[in-house]
Amino acid sequence: MKIAMMARNPDLYSHRRLKEAAEQRGHQLDIINTLRCYMNIASRRPAIYYNGEKLQPYDAVIPRIGASVTFYGLAVLRQFEVMGVLPFERIGGHRPVPG
């Protein structure tokens, strides 16, 4: 599975451990700084750009959104959802992860 984790600091212990655990299970996990994302919100071709490059498709996204970027972080998470990426937590509440 190709997983994006929205997080500001890839060096936090919890973020490193999540990445390590995912890779041990054969998944690819990329840590994406939420504030370096910008979006194309056109309804026909929704996209997220990161550091000027269009993000390639992901299977799932893990939001690790801090209080200081909640509004923008939720907008980026919503864009992932519009693009068909499975969020580990939905906007507006929690839900169990399938599997």
Foldseek 3Di string as FASTA:
>chain_A
DEEEEADQDCPDPVNVVVQVVQVVVPYHYHYAHLVQWDWDVPLVDTFIAGVRHTDDQGQEYEYPDDPVCVVSSLVVVVSNVSVVHHYCQHPPGGDHDDD
